[in-house]
Structure formats: C-alpha cells, structure tokens
C-alpha cells in the first residue's frame, strides 16, 4: 500500500479491491470462501440494504 507493507488493520497479507465497485465489495481478512449459484443470495451488506451489484455509477442502496 503506497510502497509500504500492508498493515493488519488494512487487511494484511492482502486486500482485494474491486475498482468499479463500492467499498462494501472490497475484501479484507479472508477466513473462508463460500461459493453459491443462488443468484438471490444476499451477503452481509446486502442483507442490510446495500445494492447487490454495488456499481459506483448506480444508487448506493438497493
């Protein structure tokens, strides 16, 4: 991050950034990976009203 080793509070050892998506789609501190083919699945933020697509050029809330 800016030429410095990524600190733990920023997601060490890596932080996955989806540049075209809102920050709620960025990933820190991966513990597990769960795959689903259910197109209606709602993640943590989507259950709280955030848009599922989270495209930066769309409305922030679903």
N, C-alpha and C. Protein backbone atom coordinates (compact mmCIF):
# COMPACT_ATOMS: atom_id res chain seq x y z
N UNK A 1 0.86 -1.18 0.00
CA UNK A 1 0.00 0.00 0.00
C UNK A 1 0.89 1.23 0.00
N UNK A 2 0.93 1.93 -1.11
CA UNK A 2 1.74 3.15 -1.23
C UNK A 2 3.21 2.89 -0.91
N UNK A 3 3.74 1.72 -1.32
CA UNK A 3 5.13 1.40 -1.10
C UNK A 3 5.47 0.88 0.29
N UNK A 4 4.46 0.65 1.13
CA UNK A 4 4.66 0.16 2.49
C UNK A 4 3.96 -1.19 2.63
N UNK A 5 4.51 -2.09 3.44
CA UNK A 5 3.85 -3.38 3.68
C UNK A 5 2.46 -3.12 4.25
N UNK A 6 1.49 -3.83 3.74
CA UNK A 6 0.10 -3.66 4.16
C UNK A 6 -0.04 -3.98 5.64
N UNK A 7 -0.50 -3.02 6.48
CA UNK A 7 -0.65 -3.29 7.91
C UNK A 7 -1.89 -4.15 8.19
N UNK A 8 -1.93 -4.83 9.34
CA UNK A 8 -3.07 -5.71 9.67
C UNK A 8 -4.42 -4.99 9.63
N UNK A 9 -4.50 -3.74 10.04
CA UNK A 9 -5.79 -3.03 10.03
C UNK A 9 -6.29 -2.72 8.62
N UNK A 10 -5.42 -2.90 7.63
CA UNK A 10 -5.80 -2.71 6.23
C UNK A 10 -5.95 -4.03 5.49
N UNK A 11 -5.87 -5.17 6.21
CA UNK A 11 -6.16 -6.46 5.61
C UNK A 11 -4.96 -7.34 5.32
N UNK A 12 -3.79 -7.08 5.95
CA UNK A 12 -2.60 -7.91 5.73
C UNK A 12 -2.99 -9.38 5.76
N UNK A 13 -2.55 -10.23 4.88
CA UNK A 13 -1.48 -10.03 3.92
C UNK A 13 -1.93 -9.47 2.58
N UNK A 14 -3.24 -9.41 2.31
CA UNK A 14 -3.69 -8.79 1.07
C UNK A 14 -5.08 -8.19 1.25
N UNK A 15 -5.42 -7.28 0.36
CA UNK A 15 -6.71 -6.61 0.36
C UNK A 15 -7.18 -6.62 -1.09
N UNK A 16 -8.27 -7.31 -1.36
CA UNK A 16 -8.80 -7.40 -2.72
C UNK A 16 -9.66 -6.19 -3.01
N UNK A 17 -9.31 -5.45 -4.06
CA UNK A 17 -10.04 -4.24 -4.41
C UNK A 17 -10.75 -4.44 -5.73
N UNK A 18 -12.04 -4.18 -5.74
CA UNK A 18 -12.84 -4.22 -6.97
C UNK A 18 -13.05 -2.76 -7.38
N UNK A 19 -12.19 -2.26 -8.27
CA UNK A 19 -12.14 -0.83 -8.57
C UNK A 19 -13.46 -0.23 -9.03
N UNK A 20 -14.29 -0.98 -9.74
CA UNK A 20 -15.54 -0.43 -10.25
C UNK A 20 -16.70 -0.59 -9.26
N UNK A 21 -16.41 -1.13 -8.08
CA UNK A 21 -17.45 -1.39 -7.08
C UNK A 21 -17.29 -0.49 -5.86
N UNK A 22 -18.37 -0.31 -5.11
CA UNK A 22 -18.31 0.43 -3.85
C UNK A 22 -17.46 -0.35 -2.84
N UNK A 23 -16.95 0.34 -1.85
CA UNK A 23 -16.07 -0.27 -0.86
C UNK A 23 -16.65 -1.46 -0.13
N UNK A 24 -17.97 -1.57 -0.04
CA UNK A 24 -18.57 -2.72 0.65
C UNK A 24 -18.31 -4.03 -0.08
N UNK A 25 -17.84 -3.97 -1.33
CA UNK A 25 -17.50 -5.17 -2.10
C UNK A 25 -16.01 -5.50 -2.02
N UNK A 26 -15.21 -4.65 -1.39
CA UNK A 26 -13.78 -4.90 -1.25
C UNK A 26 -13.59 -5.91 -0.12
N UNK A 27 -12.51 -6.68 -0.17
CA UNK A 27 -12.35 -7.79 0.76
C UNK A 27 -11.11 -7.63 1.62
N UNK A 28 -11.28 -7.78 2.93
CA UNK A 28 -10.18 -7.81 3.90
C UNK A 28 -10.35 -9.05 4.77
N UNK A 29 -9.28 -9.52 5.36
CA UNK A 29 -9.29 -10.58 6.37
C UNK A 29 -10.11 -11.81 5.95
N UNK A 30 -9.74 -12.43 4.86
CA UNK A 30 -10.45 -13.61 4.37
C UNK A 30 -10.22 -14.78 5.31
N UNK A 31 -11.29 -15.35 5.85
CA UNK A 31 -11.22 -16.53 6.72
C UNK A 31 -11.70 -17.77 6.01
N UNK A 32 -12.76 -17.63 5.23
CA UNK A 32 -13.33 -18.74 4.48
C UNK A 32 -13.86 -18.21 3.15
N UNK A 33 -14.06 -19.12 2.23
CA UNK A 33 -14.67 -18.78 0.95
C UNK A 33 -15.88 -19.69 0.77
N UNK A 34 -17.02 -19.11 0.49
CA UNK A 34 -18.25 -19.87 0.27
C UNK A 34 -18.76 -19.54 -1.12
N UNK A 35 -18.96 -20.54 -1.94
CA UNK A 35 -19.47 -20.36 -3.29
C UNK A 35 -20.94 -20.73 -3.34
N UNK A 36 -21.69 -19.99 -4.16
CA UNK A 36 -23.11 -20.26 -4.30
C UNK A 36 -23.55 -19.97 -5.73
N UNK A 37 -24.43 -20.79 -6.25
CA UNK A 37 -25.01 -20.50 -7.56
C UNK A 37 -26.41 -19.87 -7.40
N UNK A 38 -26.76 -19.52 -6.18
CA UNK A 38 -28.05 -18.88 -5.89
C UNK A 38 -27.95 -17.39 -6.20
N UNK A 39 -28.57 -16.96 -7.31
CA UNK A 39 -28.47 -15.56 -7.72
C UNK A 39 -29.21 -14.62 -6.76
N UNK A 40 -30.00 -15.17 -5.86
CA UNK A 40 -30.72 -14.34 -4.89
C UNK A 40 -30.03 -14.28 -3.52
N UNK A 41 -28.85 -14.90 -3.42
CA UNK A 41 -28.09 -14.88 -2.17
C UNK A 41 -27.76 -13.45 -1.79
N UNK A 42 -27.95 -13.11 -0.52
CA UNK A 42 -27.61 -11.78 -0.01
C UNK A 42 -26.47 -11.90 0.98
N UNK A 43 -25.40 -11.18 0.72
CA UNK A 43 -24.27 -11.16 1.63
C UNK A 43 -24.53 -10.26 2.82
N UNK A 44 -23.49 -10.09 3.64
CA UNK A 44 -23.60 -9.29 4.87
C UNK A 44 -24.18 -7.90 4.60
N UNK A 45 -23.58 -7.16 3.68
CA UNK A 45 -24.02 -5.78 3.42
C UNK A 45 -25.34 -5.73 2.67
N UNK A 46 -25.57 -6.68 1.79
CA UNK A 46 -26.82 -6.71 1.04
C UNK A 46 -28.01 -6.99 1.96
N UNK A 47 -27.81 -7.78 3.01
CA UNK A 47 -28.87 -8.02 3.99
C UNK A 47 -29.22 -6.75 4.75
N UNK A 48 -28.33 -5.77 4.72
CA UNK A 48 -28.54 -4.50 5.41
C UNK A 48 -28.96 -3.38 4.47
N UNK A 49 -29.36 -3.74 3.25
CA UNK A 49 -29.94 -2.77 2.34
C UNK A 49 -29.05 -2.23 1.24
N UNK A 50 -27.78 -2.62 1.20
CA UNK A 50 -26.89 -2.14 0.14
C UNK A 50 -27.19 -2.89 -1.15
N UNK A 51 -26.99 -2.21 -2.29
CA UNK A 51 -27.25 -2.82 -3.59
C UNK A 51 -26.34 -4.02 -3.81
N UNK A 52 -26.86 -5.08 -4.40
CA UNK A 52 -26.07 -6.29 -4.63
C UNK A 52 -24.98 -6.07 -5.67
N UNK A 53 -25.25 -5.25 -6.69
CA UNK A 53 -24.24 -5.00 -7.71
C UNK A 53 -23.14 -4.08 -7.19
N UNK A 54 -23.50 -3.09 -6.38
CA UNK A 54 -22.56 -2.13 -5.79
C UNK A 54 -21.72 -1.40 -6.84
N UNK A 55 -22.26 -1.23 -8.03
CA UNK A 55 -21.55 -0.46 -9.05
C UNK A 55 -21.50 1.00 -8.63
N UNK A 56 -20.34 1.63 -8.80
CA UNK A 56 -20.18 3.00 -8.34
C UNK A 56 -21.03 4.00 -9.11
N UNK A 57 -21.49 3.65 -10.30
CA UNK A 57 -22.30 4.57 -11.08
C UNK A 57 -23.80 4.36 -10.87
N UNK A 58 -24.17 3.50 -9.91
CA UNK A 58 -25.58 3.26 -9.59
C UNK A 58 -25.88 3.75 -8.19
N UNK A 59 -27.16 3.67 -7.79
CA UNK A 59 -27.56 4.03 -6.44
C UNK A 59 -26.84 3.14 -5.43
N UNK A 60 -26.43 3.74 -4.32
CA UNK A 60 -25.69 3.02 -3.29
C UNK A 60 -26.56 1.97 -2.61
N UNK A 61 -27.82 2.28 -2.39
CA UNK A 61 -28.72 1.36 -1.72
C UNK A 61 -29.64 0.69 -2.73
N UNK A 62 -29.95 -0.60 -2.45
CA UNK A 62 -30.78 -1.39 -3.36
C UNK A 62 -32.23 -1.01 -3.28
